[in-house]
C-alpha atoms as a PDB file:
ATOM      1  CA  MET A   1     -11.823 -47.500 -21.216  1.00  0.00           C
ATOM      2  CA  ARG A   2     -14.610 -45.671 -19.418  1.00  0.00           C
ATOM      3  CA  VAL A   3     -15.721 -42.256 -20.637  1.00  0.00           C
ATOM      4  CA  VAL A   4     -16.916 -39.811 -17.988  1.00  0.00           C
ATOM      5  CA  PRO A   5     -19.393 -37.233 -19.273  1.00  0.00           C
ATOM      6  CA  ALA A   6     -18.427 -33.634 -18.749  1.00  0.00           C
ATOM      7  CA  ILE A   7     -20.439 -31.478 -16.383  1.00  0.00           C
ATOM      8  CA  SER A   8     -22.152 -28.673 -18.257  1.00  0.00           C
ATOM      9  CA  GLN A   9     -21.294 -25.165 -17.187  1.00  0.00           C
ATOM     10  CA  ALA A  10     -24.944 -24.305 -16.656  1.00  0.00           C
ATOM     11  CA  ALA A  11     -25.234 -26.795 -13.770  1.00  0.00           C
ATOM     12  CA  PRO A  12     -23.346 -25.628 -10.694  1.00  0.00           C
ATOM     13  CA  VAL A  13     -21.496 -28.275  -8.736  1.00  0.00           C
ATOM     14  CA  PRO A  14     -22.797 -28.315  -5.173  1.00  0.00           C
ATOM     15  CA  SER A  15     -20.250 -28.141  -2.409  1.00  0.00           C
ATOM     16  CA  LEU A  16     -20.291 -30.442   0.568  1.00  0.00           C
ATOM     17  CA  LEU A  17     -20.923 -27.479   2.835  1.00  0.00           C
ATOM     18  CA  GLY A  18     -23.855 -26.371   0.666  1.00  0.00           C
ATOM     19  CA  LEU A  19     -25.381 -29.840   0.713  1.00  0.00           C
ATOM     20  CA  ALA A  20     -25.023 -29.940   4.493  1.00  0.00           C
ATOM     21  CA  ARG A  21     -26.746 -26.574   4.747  1.00  0.00           C
ATOM     22  CA  ILE A  22     -29.692 -27.732   2.624  1.00  0.00           C
ATOM     23  CA  GLY A  23     -29.866 -30.936   4.664  1.00  0.00           C
ATOM     24  CA  PHE A  24     -30.038 -28.906   7.873  1.00  0.00           C
ATOM     25  CA  GLU A  25     -32.756 -26.631   6.514  1.00  0.00           C
ATOM     26  CA  THR A  26     -34.899 -29.574   5.382  1.00  0.00           C
ATOM     27  CA  TRP A  27     -34.399 -31.219   8.802  1.00  0.00           C
ATOM     28  CA  ARG A  28     -35.526 -27.953  10.400  1.00  0.00           C
ATOM     29  CA  LEU A  29     -38.676 -27.911   8.252  1.00  0.00           C
ATOM     30  CA  ARG A  30     -39.460 -31.512   9.233  1.00  0.00           C
ATOM     31  CA  ARG A  31     -39.143 -30.608  12.934  1.00  0.00           C
ATOM     32  CA  ILE A  32     -41.437 -27.607  12.452  1.00  0.00           C
ATOM     33  CA  ALA A  33     -43.979 -29.793  10.643  1.00  0.00           C
ATOM     34  CA  ALA A  34     -43.874 -32.300  13.503  1.00  0.00           C
ATOM     35  CA  GLY A  35     -44.417 -29.526  16.055  1.00  0.00           C
ATOM     36  CA  LEU A  36     -47.317 -28.166  14.053  1.00  0.00           C
ATOM     37  CA  ALA A  37     -48.864 -31.643  13.855  1.00  0.00           C
ATOM     38  CA  ARG A  38     -48.545 -32.060  17.640  1.00  0.00           C
ATOM     39  CA  ALA A  39     -50.151 -28.652  18.235  1.00  0.00           C
ATOM     40  CA  ASN A  40     -53.022 -29.517  15.890  1.00  0.00           C
ATOM     41  CA  ALA A  41     -53.506 -32.897  17.587  1.00  0.00           C
ATOM     42  CA  ARG A  42     -53.786 -31.158  20.972  1.00  0.00           C
ATOM     43  CA  GLY A  43     -56.126 -28.540  19.511  1.00  0.00           C
ATOM     44  CA  ASP A  44     -53.810 -25.745  20.662  1.00  0.00           C
ATOM     45  CA  ALA A  45     -54.422 -22.897  18.220  1.00  0.00           C
ATOM     46  CA  ASN A  46     -51.874 -20.538  19.822  1.00  0.00           C
ATOM     47  CA  ALA A  47     -49.074 -23.085  19.544  1.00  0.00           C
ATOM     48  CA  ALA A  48     -50.074 -23.818  15.937  1.00  0.00           C
ATOM     49  CA  ARG A  49     -49.813 -20.105  15.108  1.00  0.00           C
ATOM     50  CA  ARG A  50     -46.334 -19.963  16.646  1.00  0.00           C
ATOM     51  CA  TRP A  51     -45.222 -22.985  14.611  1.00  0.00           C
ATOM     52  CA  LEU A  52     -46.625 -21.432  11.436  1.00  0.00           C
ATOM     53  CA  ALA A  53     -44.698 -18.235  12.145  1.00  0.00           C
ATOM     54  CA  ARG A  54     -41.499 -20.325  12.260  1.00  0.00           C
ATOM     55  CA  VAL A  55     -42.288 -21.854   8.865  1.00  0.00           C
ATOM     56  CA  GLU A  56     -41.868 -18.537   7.045  1.00  0.00           C
ATOM     57  CA  GLY A  57     -38.355 -18.031   8.390  1.00  0.00           C
ATOM     58  CA  ALA A  58     -37.364 -21.632   7.716  1.00  0.00           C
ATOM     59  CA  LEU A  59     -38.617 -21.487   4.132  1.00  0.00           C
ATOM     60  CA  ALA A  60     -36.739 -18.233   3.544  1.00  0.00           C
ATOM     61  CA  ASP A  61     -33.534 -19.802   4.898  1.00  0.00           C
ATOM     62  CA  LEU A  62     -34.019 -22.885   2.715  1.00  0.00           C
ATOM     63  CA  ASP A  63     -34.570 -20.693  -0.340  1.00  0.00           C
ATOM     64  CA  ARG A  64     -31.355 -18.773   0.412  1.00  0.00           C
ATOM     65  CA  ALA A  65     -29.443 -22.046   0.765  1.00  0.00           C
ATOM     66  CA  GLN A  66     -30.805 -23.273  -2.570  1.00  0.00           C
ATOM     67  CA  ASP A  67     -30.020 -19.972  -4.298  1.00  0.00           C
ATOM     68  CA  ARG A  68     -26.333 -20.802  -4.038  1.00  0.00           C
ATOM     69  CA  PHE A  69     -26.849 -23.698  -6.443  1.00  0.00           C
ATOM     70  CA  ARG A  70     -28.654 -21.700  -9.119  1.00  0.00           C
ATOM     71  CA  PRO A  71     -26.412 -20.265 -11.819  1.00  0.00           C
ATOM     72  CA  ARG A  72     -26.019 -16.513 -11.576  1.00  0.00           C
ATOM     73  CA  ARG A  73     -25.447 -15.995 -15.297  1.00  0.00           C
ATOM     74  CA  ARG A  74     -25.730 -17.998 -18.460  1.00  0.00           C
ATOM     75  CA  PRO A  75     -22.504 -19.333 -19.990  1.00  0.00           C
ATOM     76  CA  ARG A  76     -21.698 -18.228 -23.521  1.00  0.00           C
END
């Protein structure tokens, strides 16, 4: 007989929708990084600044998506 370990209450169970959201946000960051690399390769400082401005919003969105997996309170 196989024993399955119990999931502790302190670790939230991620939902499929939440995992998809985090996957989208990481994909978005990879696309921004690729755009920034292309702008740097061309030597286009204005385009690089625009890509860097997008990074702040993308990181904030990723942080919000990850916040859903952090426990809000400690179990007793």
